[in-house]
Amino acid sequence: MDPKLTEVSQLFERFKAAITRKDYDSCTELLSHLKVLLTSFRSLPPLFENTPNSIHELTLARDIYEHAVLLSVKIEDQDAFERDFFQLKPYYTDAGSRLPPSPNEYMILGLNLLRLLVQNRIAEFHTELELLSSTALENPCIKHAVELEQSFMEGAYNRVLSAKQNVPNETYGYFMDLLAKTVRDEIAGCSEKAYDYLSLKDARQMLLYTSDKELLQYIEEEHPEWEIKNGSVFFQKAKESVPCKEIPSLQLINQTLSYARELERIV
């Protein structure tokens, strides 16, 4: 075997062992070293040269980047996830026909869809969906993300939160927690605008919590400007803290009349 290939394989085994024992600092250091070593393989993207070990090198590199993506989830680093996913993607698309299928492909594609949903990047979410095959769309990992997006867009937040109990893979837990927070922040923002106050019971039901303790913890961490008094949550203080912006009505009228005159002149 090529000495470089042997070195990368051995280092990758050390990386996987570090993940198993949850030594994420060592994982990050070993991953950086692995990425540098991979640059010496001319069979990898973007060159894709035909070399005697090209299939072995491509498969090994794909495995490394898959583990890198999963590591980013474990250390809760969304920026690293995005970087590693884009490095991995060519192995599923450009090199997909040359390599045996990866058992992790649909799970990681589903994770990426979930990340885009959490970050409210809906246009990119649908762009990624358009690139998937009909077979991929039938995979439980992909269907899970699609159903979540539909529920989110419909405002069926209870379905979004309950979906955490039926994730297709345990790695989805991190993004599901983030999505639950996004949902509650959305409900909280609407509640502030719609009500002056709510009883603790109503606020708990509105924010889809099962106990007052969870609700109070959420308020303390995310909305300390809300006031809890006499068994109710008062939003008035939060409303008063938002400065009212004066609408420049006279300026808008003058602009509209100016546009009308210009339009009449053109016609």
C-alpha atoms as a PDB file:
ATOM      1  CA  MET A   1       0.000   0.000   0.000  1.00  0.00           C
ATOM      2  CA  ASP A   2       1.085   3.575  -0.669  1.00  0.00           C
ATOM      3  CA  PRO A   3       2.911   4.913   2.451  1.00  0.00           C
ATOM      4  CA  LYS A   4       0.803   8.116   2.406  1.00  0.00           C
ATOM      5  CA  LEU A   5      -2.380   6.091   2.268  1.00  0.00           C
ATOM      6  CA  THR A   6      -1.174   3.970   5.166  1.00  0.00           C
ATOM      7  CA  GLU A   7      -0.348   7.082   7.209  1.00  0.00           C
ATOM      8  CA  VAL A   8      -3.786   8.585   6.620  1.00  0.00           C
ATOM      9  CA  SER A   9      -5.537   5.286   7.428  1.00  0.00           C
ATOM     10  CA  GLN A  10      -3.642   4.918  10.700  1.00  0.00           C
ATOM     11  CA  LEU A  11      -4.306   8.531  11.693  1.00  0.00           C
ATOM     12  CA  PHE A  12      -7.991   8.073  10.879  1.00  0.00           C
ATOM     13  CA  GLU A  13      -8.157   5.084  13.227  1.00  0.00           C
ATOM     14  CA  ARG A  14      -6.709   7.267  15.993  1.00  0.00           C
ATOM     15  CA  PHE A  15      -9.326   9.921  15.164  1.00  0.00           C
ATOM     16  CA  LYS A  16     -12.196   7.401  15.441  1.00  0.00           C
ATOM     17  CA  ALA A  17     -10.787   6.099  18.732  1.00  0.00           C
ATOM     18  CA  ALA A  18     -10.725   9.665  20.097  1.00  0.00           C
ATOM     19  CA  ILE A  19     -14.389  10.129  19.095  1.00  0.00           C
ATOM     20  CA  THR A  20     -15.312   6.898  20.869  1.00  0.00           C
ATOM     21  CA  ARG A  21     -13.745   8.092  24.115  1.00  0.00           C
ATOM     22  CA  LYS A  22     -15.227  11.607  23.578  1.00  0.00           C
ATOM     23  CA  ASP A  23     -11.830  13.314  23.483  1.00  0.00           C
ATOM     24  CA  TYR A  24     -13.037  16.062  21.173  1.00  0.00           C
ATOM     25  CA  ASP A  25      -9.958  18.269  21.567  1.00  0.00           C
ATOM     26  CA  SER A  26      -7.785  15.468  20.193  1.00  0.00           C
ATOM     27  CA  CYS A  27     -10.373  14.852  17.466  1.00  0.00           C
ATOM     28  CA  THR A  28     -10.165  18.446  16.273  1.00  0.00           C
ATOM     29  CA  GLU A  29      -6.371  18.351  16.218  1.00  0.00           C
ATOM     30  CA  LEU A  30      -6.229  15.001  14.380  1.00  0.00           C
ATOM     31  CA  LEU A  31      -8.872  16.155  11.886  1.00  0.00           C
ATOM     32  CA  SER A  32      -6.798  19.208  10.946  1.00  0.00           C
ATOM     33  CA  HIS A  33      -3.800  16.949  10.343  1.00  0.00           C
ATOM     34  CA  LEU A  34      -5.898  14.531   8.265  1.00  0.00           C
ATOM     35  CA  LYS A  35      -7.216  17.329   6.044  1.00  0.00           C
ATOM     36  CA  VAL A  36      -3.670  18.488   5.328  1.00  0.00           C
ATOM     37  CA  LEU A  37      -2.583  14.959   4.402  1.00  0.00           C
ATOM     38  CA  LEU A  38      -5.581  14.530   2.080  1.00  0.00           C
ATOM     39  CA  THR A  39      -4.378  17.432  -0.066  1.00  0.00           C
ATOM     40  CA  SER A  40      -1.550  15.216  -1.362  1.00  0.00           C
ATOM     41  CA  PHE A  41      -4.057  12.816  -3.017  1.00  0.00           C
ATOM     42  CA  ARG A  42      -4.600  13.945  -6.613  1.00  0.00           C
ATOM     43  CA  SER A  43      -7.572  11.600  -6.997  1.00  0.00           C
ATOM     44  CA  LEU A  44      -9.677  13.797  -4.703  1.00  0.00           C
ATOM     45  CA  PRO A  45     -11.802  16.820  -5.661  1.00  0.00           C
ATOM     46  CA  PRO A  46     -11.358  19.027  -7.592  1.00  0.00           C
ATOM     47  CA  LEU A  47      -8.763  17.125  -9.671  1.00  0.00           C
ATOM     48  CA  PHE A  48     -10.306  13.629  -9.674  1.00  0.00           C
ATOM     49  CA  GLU A  49      -7.227  12.169 -11.363  1.00  0.00           C
ATOM     50  CA  ASN A  50      -7.187   8.443 -12.123  1.00  0.00           C
ATOM     51  CA  THR A  51      -4.509   6.960  -9.875  1.00  0.00           C
ATOM     52  CA  PRO A  52      -3.810   3.322  -8.919  1.00  0.00           C
ATOM     53  CA  ASN A  53      -5.418   3.886  -5.495  1.00  0.00           C
ATOM     54  CA  SER A  54      -8.072   6.435  -6.513  1.00  0.00           C
ATOM     55  CA  ILE A  55     -11.104   4.429  -5.318  1.00  0.00           C
ATOM     56  CA  HIS A  56      -9.466   3.635  -1.989  1.00  0.00           C
ATOM     57  CA  GLU A  57      -8.407   7.264  -1.540  1.00  0.00           C
ATOM     58  CA  LEU A  58     -11.846   8.624  -2.430  1.00  0.00           C
ATOM     59  CA  THR A  59     -13.607   6.213  -0.092  1.00  0.00           C
ATOM     60  CA  LEU A  60     -11.219   6.999   2.771  1.00  0.00           C
ATOM     61  CA  ALA A  61     -11.571  10.750   2.251  1.00  0.00           C
ATOM     62  CA  ARG A  62     -15.375  10.447   2.177  1.00  0.00           C
ATOM     63  CA  ASP A  63     -15.303   8.520   5.466  1.00  0.00           C
ATOM     64  CA  ILE A  64     -13.086  11.181   7.039  1.00  0.00           C
ATOM     65  CA  TYR A  65     -15.353  14.054   6.009  1.00  0.00           C
ATOM     66  CA  GLU A  66     -18.444  12.154   7.166  1.00  0.00           C
ATOM     67  CA  HIS A  67     -16.866  11.746  10.584  1.00  0.00           C
ATOM     68  CA  ALA A  68     -15.905  15.432  10.515  1.00  0.00           C
ATOM     69  CA  VAL A  69     -19.553  16.399   9.967  1.00  0.00           C
ATOM     70  CA  LEU A  70     -20.696  14.160  12.819  1.00  0.00           C
ATOM     71  CA  LEU A  71     -17.954  15.572  15.059  1.00  0.00           C
ATOM     72  CA  SER A  72     -19.222  19.105  14.406  1.00  0.00           C
ATOM     73  CA  VAL A  73     -22.658  18.003  15.665  1.00  0.00           C
ATOM     74  CA  LYS A  74     -21.138  16.493  18.806  1.00  0.00           C
ATOM     75  CA  ILE A  75     -19.235  19.703  19.595  1.00  0.00           C
ATOM     76  CA  GLU A  76     -22.262  21.808  18.549  1.00  0.00           C
ATOM     77  CA  ASP A  77     -20.359  23.864  15.968  1.00  0.00           C
ATOM     78  CA  GLN A  78     -22.676  24.881  13.111  1.00  0.00           C
ATOM     79  CA  ASP A  79     -19.944  26.734  11.190  1.00  0.00           C
ATOM     80  CA  ALA A  80     -17.733  23.633  11.200  1.00  0.00           C
ATOM     81  CA  PHE A  81     -20.725  21.566  10.081  1.00  0.00           C
ATOM     82  CA  GLU A  82     -21.259  23.803   7.063  1.00  0.00           C
ATOM     83  CA  ARG A  83     -17.572  23.770   6.086  1.00  0.00           C
ATOM     84  CA  ASP A  84     -17.219  20.004   6.433  1.00  0.00           C
ATOM     85  CA  PHE A  85     -20.513  19.291   4.673  1.00  0.00           C
ATOM     86  CA  PHE A  86     -19.467  21.296   1.617  1.00  0.00           C
ATOM     87  CA  GLN A  87     -16.141  19.447   1.560  1.00  0.00           C
ATOM     88  CA  LEU A  88     -18.032  16.153   1.754  1.00  0.00           C
ATOM     89  CA  LYS A  89     -20.755  16.918  -0.801  1.00  0.00           C
ATOM     90  CA  PRO A  90     -18.646  16.280  -3.977  1.00  0.00           C
ATOM     91  CA  TYR A  91     -18.136  12.684  -2.814  1.00  0.00           C
ATOM     92  CA  TYR A  92     -21.918  12.183  -2.963  1.00  0.00           C
ATOM     93  CA  THR A  93     -22.402  14.022  -6.260  1.00  0.00           C
ATOM     94  CA  ASP A  94     -19.317  14.166  -8.525  1.00  0.00           C
ATOM     95  CA  ALA A  95     -17.733  10.946  -7.243  1.00  0.00           C
ATOM     96  CA  GLY A  96     -20.959   9.165  -6.356  1.00  0.00           C
ATOM     97  CA  SER A  97     -20.986   6.956  -9.458  1.00  0.00           C
ATOM     98  CA  ARG A  98     -17.424   5.741  -8.795  1.00  0.00           C
ATOM     99  CA  LEU A  99     -17.863   4.780  -5.151  1.00  0.00           C
ATOM    100  CA  PRO A 100     -19.976   2.230  -3.315  1.00  0.00           C
ATOM    101  CA  PRO A 101     -22.956   3.862  -1.515  1.00  0.00           C
ATOM    102  CA  SER A 102     -22.257   5.254   1.935  1.00  0.00           C
ATOM    103  CA  PRO A 103     -24.572   4.070   4.739  1.00  0.00           C
ATOM    104  CA  ASN A 104     -24.314   7.567   6.258  1.00  0.00           C
ATOM    105  CA  GLU A 105     -25.240   9.566   3.142  1.00  0.00           C
ATOM    106  CA  TYR A 106     -28.976  10.084   3.692  1.00  0.00           C
ATOM    107  CA  MET A 107     -28.549  10.621   7.417  1.00  0.00           C
ATOM    108  CA  ILE A 108     -26.016  13.429   6.770  1.00  0.00           C
ATOM    109  CA  LEU A 109     -28.103  14.943   3.952  1.00  0.00           C
ATOM    110  CA  GLY A 110     -31.060  14.985   6.350  1.00  0.00           C
ATOM    111  CA  LEU A 111     -28.921  16.648   9.017  1.00  0.00           C
ATOM    112  CA  ASN A 112     -27.964  19.372   6.565  1.00  0.00           C
ATOM    113  CA  LEU A 113     -31.623  19.993   5.700  1.00  0.00           C
ATOM    114  CA  LEU A 114     -32.397  20.238   9.404  1.00  0.00           C
ATOM    115  CA  ARG A 115     -29.546  22.740   9.876  1.00  0.00           C
ATOM    116  CA  LEU A 116     -30.910  24.948   7.086  1.00  0.00           C
ATOM    117  CA  LEU A 117     -34.360  24.797   8.677  1.00  0.00           C
ATOM    118  CA  VAL A 118     -32.971  25.769  12.095  1.00  0.00           C
ATOM    119  CA  GLN A 119     -31.138  28.723  10.505  1.00  0.00           C
ATOM    120  CA  ASN A 120     -34.337  29.728   8.662  1.00  0.00           C
ATOM    121  CA  ARG A 121     -32.586  29.377   5.287  1.00  0.00           C
ATOM    122  CA  ILE A 122     -35.739  28.117   3.607  1.00  0.00           C
ATOM    123  CA  ALA A 123     -34.714  28.971   0.030  1.00  0.00           C
ATOM    124  CA  GLU A 124     -31.508  26.933   0.404  1.00  0.00           C
ATOM    125  CA  PHE A 125     -33.517  24.147   2.039  1.00  0.00           C
ATOM    126  CA  HIS A 126     -35.667  23.829  -1.093  1.00  0.00           C
ATOM    127  CA  THR A 127     -32.648  24.143  -3.385  1.00  0.00           C
ATOM    128  CA  GLU A 128     -31.034  21.172  -1.653  1.00  0.00           C
ATOM    129  CA  LEU A 129     -34.300  19.220  -1.935  1.00  0.00           C
ATOM    130  CA  GLU A 130     -34.419  19.835  -5.691  1.00  0.00           C
ATOM    131  CA  LEU A 131     -30.990  18.210  -6.044  1.00  0.00           C
ATOM    132  CA  LEU A 132     -32.060  14.961  -4.371  1.00  0.00           C
ATOM    133  CA  SER A 133     -33.183  11.877  -6.267  1.00  0.00           C
ATOM    134  CA  SER A 134     -36.648  10.349  -5.867  1.00  0.00           C
ATOM    135  CA  THR A 135     -35.029   7.490  -3.950  1.00  0.00           C
ATOM    136  CA  ALA A 136     -33.450   9.923  -1.505  1.00  0.00           C
ATOM    137  CA  LEU A 137     -36.766  11.716  -0.959  1.00  0.00           C
ATOM    138  CA  GLU A 138     -38.308   8.437   0.209  1.00  0.00           C
ATOM    139  CA  ASN A 139     -35.605   7.900   2.836  1.00  0.00           C
ATOM    140  CA  PRO A 140     -36.866   8.379   6.441  1.00  0.00           C
ATOM    141  CA  CYS A 141     -34.067  10.863   7.226  1.00  0.00           C
ATOM    142  CA  ILE A 142     -35.026  13.120   4.335  1.00  0.00           C
ATOM    143  CA  LYS A 143     -38.786  12.700   4.875  1.00  0.00           C
ATOM    144  CA  HIS A 144     -38.343  13.683   8.525  1.00  0.00           C
ATOM    145  CA  ALA A 145     -36.772  17.028   7.536  1.00  0.00           C
ATOM    146  CA  VAL A 146     -39.400  17.664   4.833  1.00  0.00           C
ATOM    147  CA  GLU A 147     -42.290  16.996   7.231  1.00  0.00           C
ATOM    148  CA  LEU A 148     -40.722  19.296   9.811  1.00  0.00           C
ATOM    149  CA  GLU A 149     -40.434  22.115   7.271  1.00  0.00           C
ATOM    150  CA  GLN A 150     -44.101  21.661   6.272  1.00  0.00           C
ATOM    151  CA  SER A 151     -45.226  21.750   9.902  1.00  0.00           C
ATOM    152  CA  PHE A 152     -43.067  24.821  10.567  1.00  0.00           C
ATOM    153  CA  MET A 153     -44.485  26.704   7.566  1.00  0.00           C
ATOM    154  CA  GLU A 154     -48.065  25.765   8.538  1.00  0.00           C
ATOM    155  CA  GLY A 155     -47.504  27.001  12.082  1.00  0.00           C
ATOM    156  CA  ALA A 156     -48.190  23.517  13.474  1.00  0.00           C
ATOM    157  CA  TYR A 157     -45.596  24.023  16.195  1.00  0.00           C
ATOM    158  CA  ASN A 158     -46.905  21.189  18.361  1.00  0.00           C
ATOM    159  CA  ARG A 159     -46.016  18.761  15.532  1.00  0.00           C
ATOM    160  CA  VAL A 160     -42.541  20.262  15.288  1.00  0.00           C
ATOM    161  CA  LEU A 161     -41.861  19.777  18.995  1.00  0.00           C
ATOM    162  CA  SER A 162     -43.366  16.293  19.167  1.00  0.00           C
ATOM    163  CA  ALA A 163     -41.187  15.222  16.214  1.00  0.00           C
ATOM    164  CA  LYS A 164     -38.208  15.197  18.596  1.00  0.00           C
ATOM    165  CA  GLN A 165     -39.555  11.950  20.030  1.00  0.00           C
ATOM    166  CA  ASN A 166     -39.374  10.251  16.618  1.00  0.00           C
ATOM    167  CA  VAL A 167     -36.016  11.300  15.176  1.00  0.00           C
ATOM    168  CA  PRO A 168     -34.582   8.859  12.602  1.00  0.00           C
ATOM    169  CA  ASN A 169     -31.112   9.059  14.174  1.00  0.00           C
ATOM    170  CA  GLU A 170     -29.770  10.101  17.589  1.00  0.00           C
ATOM    171  CA  THR A 171     -27.466  12.695  15.957  1.00  0.00           C
ATOM    172  CA  TYR A 172     -30.575  14.740  15.110  1.00  0.00           C
ATOM    173  CA  GLY A 173     -31.054  15.654  18.786  1.00  0.00           C
ATOM    174  CA  TYR A 174     -28.826  18.760  18.682  1.00  0.00           C
ATOM    175  CA  PHE A 175     -30.624  20.404  15.764  1.00  0.00           C
ATOM    176  CA  MET A 176     -34.039  19.364  17.106  1.00  0.00           C
ATOM    177  CA  ASP A 177     -33.259  21.189  20.368  1.00  0.00           C
ATOM    178  CA  LEU A 178     -32.287  24.285  18.378  1.00  0.00           C
ATOM    179  CA  LEU A 179     -35.463  24.016  16.303  1.00  0.00           C
ATOM    180  CA  ALA A 180     -37.577  23.764  19.455  1.00  0.00           C
ATOM    181  CA  LYS A 181     -35.969  26.989  20.706  1.00  0.00           C
ATOM    182  CA  THR A 182     -36.629  28.685  17.349  1.00  0.00           C
ATOM    183  CA  VAL A 183     -40.292  27.654  17.552  1.00  0.00           C
ATOM    184  CA  ARG A 184     -40.698  28.937  21.116  1.00  0.00           C
ATOM    185  CA  ASP A 185     -38.972  32.222  20.271  1.00  0.00           C
ATOM    186  CA  GLU A 186     -41.409  32.658  17.376  1.00  0.00           C
ATOM    187  CA  ILE A 187     -44.408  31.979  19.650  1.00  0.00           C
ATOM    188  CA  ALA A 188     -43.006  34.290  22.335  1.00  0.00           C
ATOM    189  CA  GLY A 189     -42.591  37.142  19.848  1.00  0.00           C
ATOM    190  CA  CYS A 190     -46.188  36.750  18.638  1.00  0.00           C
ATOM    191  CA  SER A 191     -47.501  36.517  22.202  1.00  0.00           C
ATOM    192  CA  GLU A 192     -45.818  39.801  23.164  1.00  0.00           C
ATOM    193  CA  LYS A 193     -47.561  41.596  20.313  1.00  0.00           C
ATOM    194  CA  ALA A 194     -50.952  39.935  20.751  1.00  0.00           C
ATOM    195  CA  TYR A 195     -51.398  40.118  24.557  1.00  0.00           C
ATOM    196  CA  ASP A 196     -50.643  42.459  27.411  1.00  0.00           C
ATOM    197  CA  TYR A 197     -50.435  39.498  29.779  1.00  0.00           C
ATOM    198  CA  LEU A 198     -51.203  35.776  30.074  1.00  0.00           C
ATOM    199  CA  SER A 199     -51.761  33.510  33.037  1.00  0.00           C
ATOM    200  CA  LEU A 200     -48.901  31.133  33.753  1.00  0.00           C
ATOM    201  CA  LYS A 201     -51.116  28.245  32.681  1.00  0.00           C
ATOM    202  CA  ASP A 202     -51.970  29.865  29.349  1.00  0.00           C
ATOM    203  CA  ALA A 203     -48.356  30.914  28.754  1.00  0.00           C
ATOM    204  CA  ARG A 204     -47.184  27.374  29.496  1.00  0.00           C
ATOM    205  CA  GLN A 205     -49.688  25.921  27.039  1.00  0.00           C
ATOM    206  CA  MET A 206     -48.866  28.584  24.443  1.00  0.00           C
ATOM    207  CA  LEU A 207     -45.128  27.882  24.640  1.00  0.00           C
ATOM    208  CA  LEU A 208     -45.751  24.123  24.706  1.00  0.00           C
ATOM    209  CA  TYR A 209     -44.125  23.400  28.057  1.00  0.00           C
ATOM    210  CA  THR A 210     -45.259  20.630  30.384  1.00  0.00           C
ATOM    211  CA  SER A 211     -44.467  22.369  33.694  1.00  0.00           C
ATOM    212  CA  ASP A 212     -44.305  25.860  35.205  1.00  0.00           C
ATOM    213  CA  LYS A 213     -40.671  25.214  36.146  1.00  0.00           C
ATOM    214  CA  GLU A 214     -39.686  24.825  32.482  1.00  0.00           C
ATOM    215  CA  LEU A 215     -41.630  27.964  31.577  1.00  0.00           C
ATOM    216  CA  LEU A 216     -40.026  30.050  34.340  1.00  0.00           C
ATOM    217  CA  GLN A 217     -36.567  28.853  33.336  1.00  0.00           C
ATOM    218  CA  TYR A 218     -37.234  29.834  29.710  1.00  0.00           C
ATOM    219  CA  ILE A 219     -38.446  33.302  30.767  1.00  0.00           C
ATOM    220  CA  GLU A 220     -35.431  33.813  33.044  1.00  0.00           C
ATOM    221  CA  GLU A 221     -32.957  32.846  30.304  1.00  0.00           C
ATOM    222  CA  GLU A 222     -34.606  34.259  27.176  1.00  0.00           C
ATOM    223  CA  HIS A 223     -37.029  36.999  28.279  1.00  0.00           C
ATOM    224  CA  PRO A 224     -35.905  38.582  31.562  1.00  0.00           C
ATOM    225  CA  GLU A 225     -37.869  41.721  30.539  1.00  0.00           C
ATOM    226  CA  TRP A 226     -41.155  39.851  31.082  1.00  0.00           C
ATOM    227  CA  GLU A 227     -42.700  40.433  34.497  1.00  0.00           C
ATOM    228  CA  ILE A 228     -44.198  37.597  36.527  1.00  0.00           C
ATOM    229  CA  LYS A 229     -46.802  38.841  39.008  1.00  0.00           C
ATOM    230  CA  ASN A 230     -49.905  37.374  40.657  1.00  0.00           C
ATOM    231  CA  GLY A 231     -49.722  34.136  38.682  1.00  0.00           C
ATOM    232  CA  SER A 232     -49.461  35.888  35.316  1.00  0.00           C
ATOM    233  CA  VAL A 233     -46.794  36.862  32.791  1.00  0.00           C
ATOM    234  CA  PHE A 234     -46.912  40.557  31.831  1.00  0.00           C
ATOM    235  CA  PHE A 235     -45.514  41.621  28.465  1.00  0.00           C
ATOM    236  CA  GLN A 236     -46.249  45.346  28.823  1.00  0.00           C
ATOM    237  CA  LYS A 237     -42.744  46.097  30.103  1.00  0.00           C
ATOM    238  CA  ALA A 238     -41.275  44.446  27.000  1.00  0.00           C
ATOM    239  CA  LYS A 239     -43.604  46.477  24.761  1.00  0.00           C
ATOM    240  CA  GLU A 240     -42.673  49.735  26.483  1.00  0.00           C
ATOM    241  CA  SER A 241     -38.960  49.005  26.005  1.00  0.00           C
ATOM    242  CA  VAL A 242     -39.392  48.969  22.215  1.00  0.00           C
ATOM    243  CA  PRO A 243     -39.138  52.547  20.922  1.00  0.00           C
ATOM    244  CA  CYS A 244     -41.911  53.684  18.568  1.00  0.00           C
ATOM    245  CA  LYS A 245     -40.668  54.908  15.209  1.00  0.00           C
ATOM    246  CA  GLU A 246     -42.304  57.992  13.735  1.00  0.00           C
ATOM    247  CA  ILE A 247     -43.563  57.494  10.183  1.00  0.00           C
ATOM    248  CA  PRO A 248     -42.418  60.371   7.922  1.00  0.00           C
ATOM    249  CA  SER A 249     -45.896  60.753   6.374  1.00  0.00           C
ATOM    250  CA  LEU A 250     -45.293  64.134   4.683  1.00  0.00           C
ATOM    251  CA  GLN A 251     -42.086  62.879   3.059  1.00  0.00           C
ATOM    252  CA  LEU A 252     -43.864  59.733   1.816  1.00  0.00           C
ATOM    253  CA  ILE A 253     -46.731  61.797   0.326  1.00  0.00           C
ATOM    254  CA  ASN A 254     -44.277  64.080  -1.505  1.00  0.00           C
ATOM    255  CA  GLN A 255     -42.375  61.063  -2.868  1.00  0.00           C
ATOM    256  CA  THR A 256     -45.605  59.417  -4.075  1.00  0.00           C
ATOM    257  CA  LEU A 257     -46.736  62.613  -5.849  1.00  0.00           C
ATOM    258  CA  SER A 258     -43.315  62.936  -7.430  1.00  0.00           C
ATOM    259  CA  TYR A 259     -43.485  59.350  -8.745  1.00  0.00           C
ATOM    260  CA  ALA A 260     -46.981  60.028 -10.130  1.00  0.00           C
ATOM    261  CA  ARG A 261     -45.797  63.155 -11.975  1.00  0.00           C
ATOM    262  CA  GLU A 262     -42.823  61.263 -13.453  1.00  0.00           C
ATOM    263  CA  LEU A 263     -45.088  58.389 -14.523  1.00  0.00           C
ATOM    264  CA  GLU A 264     -47.528  60.822 -16.183  1.00  0.00           C
ATOM    265  CA  ARG A 265     -44.635  62.474 -18.040  1.00  0.00           C
ATOM    266  CA  ILE A 266     -43.412  59.085 -19.333  1.00  0.00           C
ATOM    267  CA  VAL A 267     -46.893  58.021 -20.491  1.00  0.00           C
END
